[in-house]
Amino acid sequence: MKLKFLLPVLLFAGVATALGVGLTIRPGDLPSVMINKQVPVFDLPPLLGRQRGLASNDLAGEVRLVNFFASWCFACRLEHPLLNRINADGIVPVYGINYKDRPEDAKAWLDRLGDPYARSGADFPGRTGIDWGVYGLPETFIVDRDSRIVYRHIGAISASDLENCLLPVVENLRASELAATSINLPSACQRSTQQIDLKSKLQTKS
């Protein structure tokens, strides 16, 4: 009988411990094996009410942001106005991958809050998210013109993140063919300690 009464207490303690550990993990402490690798091969159908889906072949030719989102994700709602601004101002193309969402919910969410995505794909099973190494939403990746994943941002993007981290990385990548030098991520990006070695990146092209 004691076990019967202890079981709820033990379950609560386990959940509380897991949450406590999770809250102490900084975003940059989560490793990403995909940094400096080609984007995974994928081909996703369009979201309900949209005409164009998203495939890995669509991510070549220029620097882009790839944003994983869902209507059920509260933090996605927090960053969404900023994504709309990025799109409206033409700062950098944003491509969206809708993760494990119901088609009608995703459509209603974008119709109501605005659609900042140049193209978007529906990852209903979540397989593409797994291939990218996504832990939770939202997550945003910077992809270079060679379809290589250069940087990963975990969590909602803030205005500070955009101005002090993501945009400097984007601009450095855009200028990389003219200045093939090794650079470090801006200090604001140091929760991820990956180095962007543009010289070695360009050498692998030849």
N, C-alpha and C. Protein backbone atom coordinates (compact mmCIF):
# COMPACT_ATOMS: atom_id res chain seq x y z
N MET A 1 0.82 -1.21 0.00
CA MET A 1 0.00 0.00 0.00
C MET A 1 0.86 1.27 0.00
N LYS A 2 2.03 1.18 0.69
CA LYS A 2 2.90 2.35 0.74
C LYS A 2 3.34 2.78 -0.66
N LEU A 3 3.63 1.78 -1.51
CA LEU A 3 4.07 2.10 -2.87
C LEU A 3 3.00 2.85 -3.63
N LYS A 4 1.73 2.49 -3.38
CA LYS A 4 0.62 3.15 -4.05
C LYS A 4 0.58 4.64 -3.73
N PHE A 5 0.86 4.98 -2.47
CA PHE A 5 0.82 6.38 -2.07
C PHE A 5 2.10 7.12 -2.44
N LEU A 6 3.21 6.39 -2.50
CA LEU A 6 4.48 7.01 -2.82
C LEU A 6 4.64 7.29 -4.31
N LEU A 7 3.96 6.51 -5.15
CA LEU A 7 4.15 6.63 -6.59
C LEU A 7 3.89 8.04 -7.11
N PRO A 8 2.75 8.70 -6.74
CA PRO A 8 2.54 10.07 -7.23
C PRO A 8 3.64 11.03 -6.77
N VAL A 9 4.13 10.84 -5.52
CA VAL A 9 5.19 11.70 -5.01
C VAL A 9 6.47 11.53 -5.81
N LEU A 10 6.80 10.26 -6.10
CA LEU A 10 8.01 9.98 -6.87
C LEU A 10 7.91 10.53 -8.29
N LEU A 11 6.73 10.40 -8.89
CA LEU A 11 6.53 10.93 -10.24
C LEU A 11 6.68 12.45 -10.25
N PHE A 12 6.10 13.11 -9.24
CA PHE A 12 6.21 14.57 -9.15
C PHE A 12 7.66 14.99 -8.98
N ALA A 13 8.38 14.27 -8.14
CA ALA A 13 9.78 14.60 -7.90
C ALA A 13 10.60 14.45 -9.17
N GLY A 14 10.30 13.40 -9.96
CA GLY A 14 11.03 13.19 -11.21
C GLY A 14 10.77 14.30 -12.21
N VAL A 15 9.51 14.70 -12.33
CA VAL A 15 9.17 15.78 -13.25
C VAL A 15 9.81 17.09 -12.80
N ALA A 16 9.75 17.37 -11.51
CA ALA A 16 10.33 18.61 -10.99
C ALA A 16 11.83 18.65 -11.23
N THR A 17 12.49 17.52 -11.05
CA THR A 17 13.94 17.46 -11.29
C THR A 17 14.25 17.72 -12.75
N ALA A 18 13.48 17.09 -13.65
CA ALA A 18 13.72 17.28 -15.09
C ALA A 18 13.52 18.73 -15.49
N LEU A 19 12.45 19.37 -14.92
CA LEU A 19 12.22 20.77 -15.25
C LEU A 19 13.32 21.65 -14.69
N GLY A 20 13.79 21.32 -13.50
CA GLY A 20 14.86 22.11 -12.91
C GLY A 20 16.13 22.05 -13.71
N VAL A 21 16.48 20.86 -14.19
CA VAL A 21 17.66 20.71 -15.03
C VAL A 21 17.48 21.46 -16.33
N GLY A 22 16.27 21.35 -16.92
CA GLY A 22 16.01 22.01 -18.19
C GLY A 22 16.15 23.52 -18.10
N LEU A 23 15.70 24.09 -16.96
CA LEU A 23 15.76 25.54 -16.81
C LEU A 23 17.18 26.05 -16.62
N THR A 24 18.10 25.17 -16.24
CA THR A 24 19.48 25.60 -16.04
C THR A 24 20.32 25.48 -17.30
N ILE A 25 19.76 24.89 -18.35
CA ILE A 25 20.51 24.71 -19.59
C ILE A 25 20.41 25.96 -20.44
N ARG A 26 21.52 26.56 -20.77
CA ARG A 26 21.53 27.70 -21.68
C ARG A 26 21.37 27.19 -23.10
N PRO A 27 20.73 27.97 -24.01
CA PRO A 27 20.52 27.51 -25.38
C PRO A 27 21.79 27.03 -26.06
N GLY A 28 22.90 27.72 -25.84
CA GLY A 28 24.14 27.35 -26.51
C GLY A 28 24.76 26.07 -25.99
N ASP A 29 24.27 25.59 -24.82
CA ASP A 29 24.81 24.36 -24.28
C ASP A 29 24.27 23.14 -24.99
N LEU A 30 23.23 23.32 -25.80
CA LEU A 30 22.69 22.20 -26.56
C LEU A 30 23.49 22.07 -27.85
N PRO A 31 24.16 20.96 -28.06
CA PRO A 31 25.02 20.83 -29.23
C PRO A 31 24.21 20.69 -30.51
N SER A 32 24.78 21.10 -31.63
CA SER A 32 24.16 20.90 -32.92
C SER A 32 25.18 20.25 -33.85
N VAL A 33 24.94 18.99 -34.17
CA VAL A 33 25.87 18.26 -35.03
C VAL A 33 25.77 18.74 -36.47
N MET A 34 24.77 19.58 -36.77
CA MET A 34 24.56 20.01 -38.14
C MET A 34 25.34 21.26 -38.52
N ILE A 35 25.99 21.93 -37.54
CA ILE A 35 26.75 23.14 -37.85
C ILE A 35 27.85 22.81 -38.85
N ASN A 36 27.96 23.65 -39.88
CA ASN A 36 28.94 23.50 -40.96
C ASN A 36 28.69 22.28 -41.86
N LYS A 37 27.49 21.75 -41.80
CA LYS A 37 27.12 20.65 -42.69
C LYS A 37 26.01 21.09 -43.64
N GLN A 38 25.86 20.36 -44.73
CA GLN A 38 24.78 20.65 -45.68
C GLN A 38 23.43 20.41 -45.02
N VAL A 39 22.43 21.17 -45.46
CA VAL A 39 21.09 20.95 -44.92
C VAL A 39 20.65 19.54 -45.28
N PRO A 40 19.89 18.89 -44.42
CA PRO A 40 19.38 17.55 -44.75
C PRO A 40 18.50 17.60 -46.00
N VAL A 41 18.46 16.52 -46.71
CA VAL A 41 17.60 16.42 -47.89
C VAL A 41 16.15 16.27 -47.42
N PHE A 42 15.28 17.14 -47.92
CA PHE A 42 13.86 17.05 -47.57
C PHE A 42 13.03 17.66 -48.69
N ASP A 43 11.77 17.33 -48.71
CA ASP A 43 10.84 17.87 -49.70
C ASP A 43 9.46 17.89 -49.05
N LEU A 44 9.04 19.06 -48.57
CA LEU A 44 7.82 19.18 -47.79
C LEU A 44 6.69 19.79 -48.62
N PRO A 45 5.47 19.33 -48.40
CA PRO A 45 4.31 19.91 -49.09
C PRO A 45 4.00 21.30 -48.55
N PRO A 46 3.25 22.09 -49.31
CA PRO A 46 2.88 23.42 -48.82
C PRO A 46 1.91 23.35 -47.66
N LEU A 47 1.86 24.40 -46.87
CA LEU A 47 0.86 24.50 -45.82
C LEU A 47 -0.52 24.70 -46.46
N LEU A 48 -1.53 24.37 -45.71
CA LEU A 48 -2.89 24.53 -46.19
C LEU A 48 -3.11 25.99 -46.58
N GLY A 49 -3.62 26.20 -47.80
CA GLY A 49 -3.88 27.54 -48.29
C GLY A 49 -2.70 28.21 -48.96
N ARG A 50 -1.53 27.54 -48.94
CA ARG A 50 -0.34 28.07 -49.62
C ARG A 50 -0.07 27.24 -50.86
N GLN A 51 0.58 27.85 -51.84
CA GLN A 51 0.80 27.19 -53.12
C GLN A 51 2.13 26.47 -53.20
N ARG A 52 3.15 26.97 -52.51
CA ARG A 52 4.50 26.44 -52.66
C ARG A 52 4.98 25.79 -51.38
N GLY A 53 5.50 24.57 -51.50
CA GLY A 53 6.11 23.91 -50.37
C GLY A 53 7.56 24.31 -50.24
N LEU A 54 8.33 23.49 -49.54
CA LEU A 54 9.73 23.82 -49.30
C LEU A 54 10.56 22.54 -49.38
N ALA A 55 11.65 22.62 -50.14
CA ALA A 55 12.57 21.49 -50.28
C ALA A 55 14.00 21.98 -50.06
N SER A 56 14.88 21.04 -49.81
CA SER A 56 16.29 21.40 -49.56
C SER A 56 16.89 22.14 -50.74
N ASN A 57 16.45 21.83 -51.95
CA ASN A 57 16.97 22.50 -53.14
C ASN A 57 16.64 23.99 -53.17
N ASP A 58 15.62 24.40 -52.41
CA ASP A 58 15.21 25.80 -52.39
C ASP A 58 16.14 26.67 -51.54
N LEU A 59 17.07 26.03 -50.83
CA LEU A 59 17.91 26.76 -49.87
C LEU A 59 19.30 27.06 -50.42
N ALA A 60 19.47 26.98 -51.72
CA ALA A 60 20.77 27.27 -52.33
C ALA A 60 20.73 28.63 -53.02
N GLY A 61 21.90 29.27 -53.12
CA GLY A 61 22.01 30.47 -53.93
C GLY A 61 22.13 31.77 -53.18
N GLU A 62 21.62 31.85 -51.95
CA GLU A 62 21.74 33.06 -51.16
C GLU A 62 21.59 32.71 -49.69
N VAL A 63 22.01 33.63 -48.84
CA VAL A 63 21.90 33.42 -47.40
C VAL A 63 20.44 33.53 -46.98
N ARG A 64 20.01 32.60 -46.13
CA ARG A 64 18.62 32.56 -45.70
C ARG A 64 18.51 32.20 -44.23
N LEU A 65 17.35 32.54 -43.64
CA LEU A 65 16.98 32.02 -42.34
C LEU A 65 15.95 30.92 -42.54
N VAL A 66 16.09 29.85 -41.78
CA VAL A 66 15.10 28.77 -41.78
C VAL A 66 14.54 28.69 -40.37
N ASN A 67 13.24 28.91 -40.26
CA ASN A 67 12.59 29.03 -38.96
C ASN A 67 11.60 27.88 -38.75
N PHE A 68 11.81 27.10 -37.69
CA PHE A 68 10.87 26.04 -37.30
C PHE A 68 9.85 26.63 -36.34
N PHE A 69 8.56 26.44 -36.62
CA PHE A 69 7.51 27.07 -35.83
C PHE A 69 6.27 26.18 -35.78
N ALA A 70 5.33 26.54 -34.91
CA ALA A 70 4.03 25.85 -34.84
C ALA A 70 3.03 26.77 -34.16
N SER A 71 1.77 26.56 -34.45
CA SER A 71 0.72 27.40 -33.86
C SER A 71 0.59 27.15 -32.36
N TRP A 72 0.97 25.95 -31.91
CA TRP A 72 0.85 25.62 -30.49
C TRP A 72 2.03 26.12 -29.66
N CYS A 73 2.99 26.74 -30.31
CA CYS A 73 4.23 27.18 -29.65
C CYS A 73 4.08 28.63 -29.18
N PHE A 74 4.05 28.84 -27.85
CA PHE A 74 3.88 30.19 -27.31
C PHE A 74 5.06 31.09 -27.66
N ALA A 75 6.27 30.57 -27.56
CA ALA A 75 7.45 31.39 -27.87
C ALA A 75 7.49 31.80 -29.33
N CYS A 76 6.91 30.97 -30.21
CA CYS A 76 6.82 31.32 -31.63
C CYS A 76 5.98 32.58 -31.82
N ARG A 77 4.95 32.71 -31.02
CA ARG A 77 4.10 33.89 -31.09
C ARG A 77 4.88 35.15 -30.67
N LEU A 78 5.78 34.99 -29.71
CA LEU A 78 6.56 36.12 -29.23
C LEU A 78 7.49 36.68 -30.31
N GLU A 79 8.09 35.79 -31.11
CA GLU A 79 9.05 36.26 -32.11
C GLU A 79 8.41 36.59 -33.44
N HIS A 80 7.13 36.25 -33.61
CA HIS A 80 6.51 36.37 -34.93
C HIS A 80 6.46 37.81 -35.46
N PRO A 81 6.17 38.82 -34.63
CA PRO A 81 6.22 40.19 -35.16
C PRO A 81 7.58 40.57 -35.71
N LEU A 82 8.64 40.05 -35.12
CA LEU A 82 9.98 40.35 -35.61
C LEU A 82 10.22 39.68 -36.96
N LEU A 83 9.73 38.46 -37.13
CA LEU A 83 9.85 37.79 -38.43
C LEU A 83 9.08 38.56 -39.50
N ASN A 84 7.90 39.08 -39.13
CA ASN A 84 7.13 39.90 -40.07
C ASN A 84 7.92 41.15 -40.47
N ARG A 85 8.63 41.73 -39.50
CA ARG A 85 9.44 42.92 -39.80
C ARG A 85 10.59 42.57 -40.73
N ILE A 86 11.26 41.46 -40.46
CA ILE A 86 12.36 41.02 -41.32
C ILE A 86 11.87 40.87 -42.76
N ASN A 87 10.69 40.29 -42.91
CA ASN A 87 10.13 40.09 -44.25
C ASN A 87 9.73 41.41 -44.89
N ALA A 88 9.04 42.26 -44.13
CA ALA A 88 8.54 43.53 -44.68
C ALA A 88 9.69 44.44 -45.10
N ASP A 89 10.77 44.42 -44.34
CA ASP A 89 11.92 45.29 -44.64
C ASP A 89 12.89 44.66 -45.63
N GLY A 90 12.64 43.42 -46.04
CA GLY A 90 13.52 42.75 -46.99
C GLY A 90 14.92 42.53 -46.44
N ILE A 91 15.04 42.28 -45.15
CA ILE A 91 16.35 42.15 -44.52
C ILE A 91 17.07 40.89 -44.97
N VAL A 92 16.39 39.76 -44.88
CA VAL A 92 16.94 38.47 -45.31
C VAL A 92 15.75 37.54 -45.53
N PRO A 93 15.77 36.72 -46.58
CA PRO A 93 14.65 35.81 -46.80
C PRO A 93 14.48 34.83 -45.64
N VAL A 94 13.23 34.65 -45.22
CA VAL A 94 12.92 33.71 -44.15
C VAL A 94 12.07 32.58 -44.72
N TYR A 95 12.52 31.36 -44.50
CA TYR A 95 11.79 30.18 -44.95
C TYR A 95 11.29 29.44 -43.71
N GLY A 96 10.05 28.96 -43.76
CA GLY A 96 9.44 28.37 -42.59
C GLY A 96 9.19 26.89 -42.72
N ILE A 97 9.37 26.17 -41.62
CA ILE A 97 9.01 24.76 -41.54
C ILE A 97 8.05 24.61 -40.36
N ASN A 98 6.80 24.28 -40.68
CA ASN A 98 5.75 24.12 -39.68
C ASN A 98 5.84 22.71 -39.09
N TYR A 99 6.09 22.65 -37.79
CA TYR A 99 6.49 21.40 -37.14
C TYR A 99 5.33 20.78 -36.34
N LYS A 100 4.94 19.57 -36.72
CA LYS A 100 3.94 18.78 -35.97
C LYS A 100 2.70 19.59 -35.62
N ASP A 101 2.14 20.23 -36.62
CA ASP A 101 0.99 21.11 -36.43
C ASP A 101 -0.20 20.59 -37.21
N ARG A 102 -1.39 20.93 -36.78
CA ARG A 102 -2.58 20.59 -37.56
C ARG A 102 -2.72 21.58 -38.71
N PRO A 103 -2.99 21.11 -39.92
CA PRO A 103 -3.03 22.01 -41.09
C PRO A 103 -3.92 23.21 -40.90
N GLU A 104 -5.12 23.00 -40.36
CA GLU A 104 -6.06 24.11 -40.19
C GLU A 104 -5.58 25.11 -39.14
N ASP A 105 -4.88 24.61 -38.12
CA ASP A 105 -4.36 25.52 -37.09
C ASP A 105 -3.22 26.38 -37.63
N ALA A 106 -2.34 25.76 -38.41
CA ALA A 106 -1.22 26.50 -38.99
C ALA A 106 -1.74 27.59 -39.94
N LYS A 107 -2.73 27.23 -40.75
CA LYS A 107 -3.30 28.20 -41.70
C LYS A 107 -3.93 29.38 -40.95
N ALA A 108 -4.73 29.08 -39.94
CA ALA A 108 -5.40 30.14 -39.19
C ALA A 108 -4.38 31.03 -38.49
N TRP A 109 -3.32 30.44 -37.99
CA TRP A 109 -2.28 31.18 -37.26
C TRP A 109 -1.60 32.19 -38.19
N LEU A 110 -1.19 31.74 -39.38
CA LEU A 110 -0.52 32.63 -40.32
C LEU A 110 -1.48 33.66 -40.91
N ASP A 111 -2.71 33.25 -41.14
CA ASP A 111 -3.71 34.20 -41.67
C ASP A 111 -3.97 35.32 -40.67
N ARG A 112 -3.94 34.99 -39.39
CA ARG A 112 -4.24 35.97 -38.34
C ARG A 112 -3.04 36.84 -38.00
N LEU A 113 -1.86 36.22 -37.89
CA LEU A 113 -0.68 36.94 -37.41
C LEU A 113 0.23 37.46 -38.52
N GLY A 114 0.00 37.01 -39.76
CA GLY A 114 0.84 37.41 -40.87
C GLY A 114 1.77 36.28 -41.28
N ASP A 115 2.08 36.23 -42.57
CA ASP A 115 2.94 35.18 -43.11
C ASP A 115 4.26 35.79 -43.56
N PRO A 116 5.33 35.62 -42.78
CA PRO A 116 6.62 36.22 -43.12
C PRO A 116 7.49 35.37 -44.02
N TYR A 117 6.98 34.19 -44.44
CA TYR A 117 7.83 33.21 -45.08
C TYR A 117 7.79 33.30 -46.61
N ALA A 118 8.97 33.36 -47.22
CA ALA A 118 9.06 33.33 -48.68
C ALA A 118 8.54 32.01 -49.22
N ARG A 119 8.85 30.94 -48.52
CA ARG A 119 8.31 29.61 -48.79
C ARG A 119 8.16 28.92 -47.45
N SER A 120 7.25 27.96 -47.38
CA SER A 120 7.08 27.21 -46.14
C SER A 120 6.62 25.79 -46.46
N GLY A 121 7.02 24.88 -45.59
CA GLY A 121 6.67 23.48 -45.77
C GLY A 121 6.06 22.91 -44.50
N ALA A 122 5.22 21.89 -44.67
CA ALA A 122 4.52 21.28 -43.55
C ALA A 122 5.22 19.99 -43.14
N ASP A 123 5.82 20.02 -41.97
CA ASP A 123 6.49 18.83 -41.43
C ASP A 123 5.57 18.19 -40.39
N PHE A 124 4.46 17.63 -40.85
CA PHE A 124 3.47 17.05 -39.93
C PHE A 124 4.05 15.91 -39.09
N PRO A 125 4.80 14.98 -39.69
CA PRO A 125 5.33 13.87 -38.87
C PRO A 125 6.50 14.28 -37.97
N GLY A 126 7.15 15.41 -38.28
CA GLY A 126 8.30 15.85 -37.50
C GLY A 126 9.61 15.25 -37.94
N ARG A 127 9.62 14.52 -39.04
CA ARG A 127 10.83 13.85 -39.48
C ARG A 127 11.92 14.85 -39.89
N THR A 128 11.51 15.91 -40.59
CA THR A 128 12.49 16.91 -41.03
C THR A 128 13.11 17.62 -39.83
N GLY A 129 12.29 17.91 -38.83
CA GLY A 129 12.81 18.52 -37.62
C GLY A 129 13.85 17.64 -36.95
N ILE A 130 13.61 16.35 -36.93
CA ILE A 130 14.57 15.41 -36.35
C ILE A 130 15.87 15.45 -37.14
N ASP A 131 15.76 15.47 -38.47
CA ASP A 131 16.96 15.48 -39.32
C ASP A 131 17.79 16.74 -39.10
N TRP A 132 17.13 17.85 -38.78
CA TRP A 132 17.84 19.11 -38.51
C TRP A 132 18.37 19.17 -37.07
N GLY A 133 17.97 18.24 -36.24
CA GLY A 133 18.41 18.24 -34.85
C GLY A 133 17.62 19.17 -33.95
N VAL A 134 16.36 19.45 -34.32
CA VAL A 134 15.53 20.38 -33.55
C VAL A 134 15.16 19.75 -32.21
N TYR A 135 15.37 20.52 -31.12
CA TYR A 135 15.02 20.08 -29.78
C TYR A 135 13.63 20.56 -29.38
N GLY A 136 13.31 21.78 -29.72
CA GLY A 136 12.04 22.39 -29.35
C GLY A 136 11.86 23.67 -30.14
N LEU A 137 10.68 24.25 -30.04
CA LEU A 137 10.38 25.41 -30.86
C LEU A 137 10.36 26.69 -30.03
N PRO A 138 10.63 27.82 -30.72
CA PRO A 138 11.12 27.91 -32.10
C PRO A 138 12.63 27.70 -32.18
N GLU A 139 13.08 27.31 -33.35
CA GLU A 139 14.51 27.27 -33.65
C GLU A 139 14.72 27.90 -35.03
N THR A 140 15.80 28.65 -35.16
CA THR A 140 16.10 29.35 -36.41
C THR A 140 17.54 29.06 -36.81
N PHE A 141 17.73 28.74 -38.07
CA PHE A 141 19.05 28.41 -38.60
C PHE A 141 19.44 29.44 -39.66
N ILE A 142 20.72 29.80 -39.69
CA ILE A 142 21.26 30.58 -40.81
C ILE A 142 21.91 29.61 -41.77
N VAL A 143 21.48 29.68 -43.03
CA VAL A 143 21.99 28.79 -44.08
C VAL A 143 22.70 29.64 -45.12
N ASP A 144 23.92 29.26 -45.49
CA ASP A 144 24.67 30.06 -46.46
C ASP A 144 24.26 29.73 -47.89
N ARG A 145 24.89 30.40 -48.85
CA ARG A 145 24.49 30.23 -50.26
C ARG A 145 24.81 28.84 -50.80
N ASP A 146 25.64 28.09 -50.07
CA ASP A 146 25.95 26.71 -50.48
C ASP A 146 25.09 25.69 -49.76
N SER A 147 24.01 26.16 -49.14
CA SER A 147 23.08 25.30 -48.40
C SER A 147 23.74 24.65 -47.18
N ARG A 148 24.67 25.37 -46.59
CA ARG A 148 25.35 24.87 -45.40
C ARG A 148 24.81 25.58 -44.17
N ILE A 149 24.55 24.80 -43.11
CA ILE A 149 24.06 25.37 -41.86
C ILE A 149 25.24 26.01 -41.12
N VAL A 150 25.14 27.30 -40.88
CA VAL A 150 26.24 28.06 -40.29
C VAL A 150 25.97 28.38 -38.82
N TYR A 151 24.73 28.67 -38.48
CA TYR A 151 24.42 29.07 -37.11
C TYR A 151 23.02 28.60 -36.74
N ARG A 152 22.85 28.29 -35.47
CA ARG A 152 21.57 27.82 -34.95
C ARG A 152 21.17 28.65 -33.75
N HIS A 153 19.96 29.21 -33.78
CA HIS A 153 19.44 29.99 -32.66
C HIS A 153 18.29 29.23 -32.04
N ILE A 154 18.39 28.93 -30.76
CA ILE A 154 17.35 28.20 -30.05
C ILE A 154 16.51 29.17 -29.25
N GLY A 155 15.20 29.10 -29.40
CA GLY A 155 14.30 29.99 -28.67
C GLY A 155 13.86 31.16 -29.53
N ALA A 156 13.00 31.97 -28.95
CA ALA A 156 12.46 33.12 -29.68
C ALA A 156 13.56 34.15 -29.97
N ILE A 157 13.54 34.68 -31.18
CA ILE A 157 14.48 35.73 -31.57
C ILE A 157 14.00 37.06 -30.98
N SER A 158 14.90 37.76 -30.31
CA SER A 158 14.58 39.10 -29.82
C SER A 158 15.18 40.13 -30.77
N ALA A 159 14.80 41.40 -30.60
CA ALA A 159 15.38 42.46 -31.42
C ALA A 159 16.89 42.53 -31.21
N SER A 160 17.33 42.29 -29.97
CA SER A 160 18.77 42.30 -29.69
C SER A 160 19.47 41.15 -30.40
N ASP A 161 18.85 39.96 -30.38
CA ASP A 161 19.43 38.81 -31.09
C ASP A 161 19.59 39.13 -32.57
N LEU A 162 18.57 39.75 -33.13
CA LEU A 162 18.60 40.06 -34.57
C LEU A 162 19.71 41.05 -34.89
N GLU A 163 19.77 42.16 -34.14
CA GLU A 163 20.71 43.23 -34.46
C GLU A 163 22.15 42.87 -34.13
N ASN A 164 22.35 42.16 -33.03
CA ASN A 164 23.71 41.93 -32.53
C ASN A 164 24.30 40.58 -32.88
N CYS A 165 23.47 39.66 -33.36
CA CYS A 165 23.96 38.32 -33.66
C CYS A 165 23.61 37.89 -35.08
N LEU A 166 22.33 37.71 -35.36
CA LEU A 166 21.94 37.12 -36.64
C LEU A 166 22.34 37.98 -37.83
N LEU A 167 22.04 39.29 -37.77
CA LEU A 167 22.35 40.14 -38.92
C LEU A 167 23.85 40.26 -39.19
N PRO A 168 24.70 40.42 -38.16
CA PRO A 168 26.14 40.43 -38.44
C PRO A 168 26.63 39.14 -39.10
N VAL A 169 26.09 38.00 -38.68
CA VAL A 169 26.48 36.74 -39.32
C VAL A 169 26.04 36.72 -40.78
N VAL A 170 24.79 37.16 -41.03
CA VAL A 170 24.26 37.20 -42.40
C VAL A 170 25.13 38.10 -43.27
N GLU A 171 25.47 39.28 -42.77
CA GLU A 171 26.27 40.22 -43.56
C GLU A 171 27.67 39.68 -43.82
N ASN A 172 28.27 39.04 -42.85
CA ASN A 172 29.59 38.44 -43.05
C ASN A 172 29.54 37.35 -44.12
N LEU A 173 28.50 36.57 -44.11
CA LEU A 173 28.37 35.51 -45.12
C LEU A 173 28.15 36.10 -46.51
N ARG A 174 27.37 37.17 -46.59
CA ARG A 174 27.13 37.80 -47.88
C ARG A 174 28.41 38.39 -48.46
N ALA A 175 29.30 38.83 -47.58
CA ALA A 175 30.55 39.44 -48.04
C ALA A 175 31.68 38.42 -48.16
N SER A 176 31.43 37.17 -47.89
CA SER A 176 32.50 36.19 -47.75
C SER A 176 33.28 35.95 -49.04
N GLU A 177 32.64 36.08 -50.20
CA GLU A 177 33.36 35.85 -51.45
C GLU A 177 34.39 36.95 -51.72
N LEU A 178 34.15 38.14 -51.15
CA LEU A 178 35.09 39.25 -51.33
C LEU A 178 36.17 39.26 -50.26
N ALA A 179 35.83 38.73 -49.08
CA ALA A 179 36.77 38.71 -47.96
C ALA A 179 36.81 37.32 -47.36
N ALA A 180 37.58 36.45 -47.97
CA ALA A 180 37.64 35.05 -47.54
C ALA A 180 38.55 34.91 -46.33
N THR A 181 38.08 35.36 -45.20
CA THR A 181 38.87 35.30 -43.98
C THR A 181 38.11 34.54 -42.91
N SER A 182 38.84 34.08 -41.92
CA SER A 182 38.23 33.38 -40.81
C SER A 182 37.66 34.39 -39.82
N ILE A 183 36.41 34.21 -39.45
CA ILE A 183 35.79 35.12 -38.49
C ILE A 183 35.19 34.32 -37.35
N ASN A 184 35.02 34.99 -36.21
CA ASN A 184 34.32 34.40 -35.09
C ASN A 184 32.91 34.95 -35.04
N LEU A 185 32.03 34.20 -34.41
CA LEU A 185 30.70 34.71 -34.19
C LEU A 185 30.76 35.95 -33.31
N PRO A 186 29.85 36.91 -33.53
CA PRO A 186 29.79 38.08 -32.65
C PRO A 186 29.63 37.64 -31.19
N SER A 187 30.07 38.48 -30.27
CA SER A 187 30.01 38.12 -28.86
C SER A 187 28.58 37.83 -28.41
N ALA A 188 27.60 38.48 -29.06
CA ALA A 188 26.21 38.24 -28.71
C ALA A 188 25.75 36.85 -29.07
N CYS A 189 26.51 36.17 -29.92
CA CYS A 189 26.16 34.81 -30.33
C CYS A 189 26.91 33.76 -29.52
N GLN A 190 27.64 34.16 -28.50
CA GLN A 190 28.57 33.24 -27.87
C GLN A 190 27.93 32.14 -27.05
N ARG A 191 26.59 32.13 -26.96
CA ARG A 191 25.97 30.97 -26.34
C ARG A 191 26.16 29.75 -27.23
N SER A 192 26.49 29.99 -28.51
CA SER A 192 26.99 28.93 -29.39
C SER A 192 28.44 29.25 -29.67
N THR A 193 29.35 28.33 -29.40
CA THR A 193 30.78 28.63 -29.50
C THR A 193 31.36 28.19 -30.83
N GLN A 194 30.50 27.84 -31.79
CA GLN A 194 30.99 27.41 -33.08
C GLN A 194 31.68 28.57 -33.79
N GLN A 195 32.78 28.30 -34.45
CA GLN A 195 33.47 29.31 -35.25
C GLN A 195 33.07 29.16 -36.71
N ILE A 196 32.87 30.27 -37.37
CA ILE A 196 32.61 30.25 -38.81
C ILE A 196 33.94 30.45 -39.51
N ASP A 197 34.45 29.44 -40.15
CA ASP A 197 35.72 29.55 -40.86
C ASP A 197 35.42 29.72 -42.34
N LEU A 198 35.30 30.99 -42.75
CA LEU A 198 34.91 31.27 -44.12
C LEU A 198 36.00 30.86 -45.10
N LYS A 199 37.27 30.93 -44.69
CA LYS A 199 38.34 30.56 -45.60
C LYS A 199 38.24 29.08 -45.96
N SER A 200 38.09 28.22 -44.94
CA SER A 200 38.00 26.80 -45.23
C SER A 200 36.71 26.49 -45.97
N LYS A 201 35.64 27.26 -45.67
CA LYS A 201 34.38 27.04 -46.36
C LYS A 201 34.53 27.31 -47.85
N LEU A 202 35.22 28.40 -48.19
CA LEU A 202 35.40 28.73 -49.59
C LEU A 202 36.37 27.75 -50.27
N GLN A 203 37.36 27.28 -49.54
CA GLN A 203 38.33 26.35 -50.14
C GLN A 203 37.65 25.04 -50.52
N THR A 204 36.62 24.65 -49.76
CA THR A 204 35.96 23.39 -50.08
C THR A 204 35.15 23.50 -51.37
N LYS A 205 34.90 24.70 -51.83
CA LYS A 205 34.14 24.87 -53.06
C LYS A 205 34.99 24.57 -54.28
N SER A 206 36.31 24.77 -54.19
CA SER A 206 37.17 24.63 -55.36
C SER A 206 37.72 23.22 -55.48
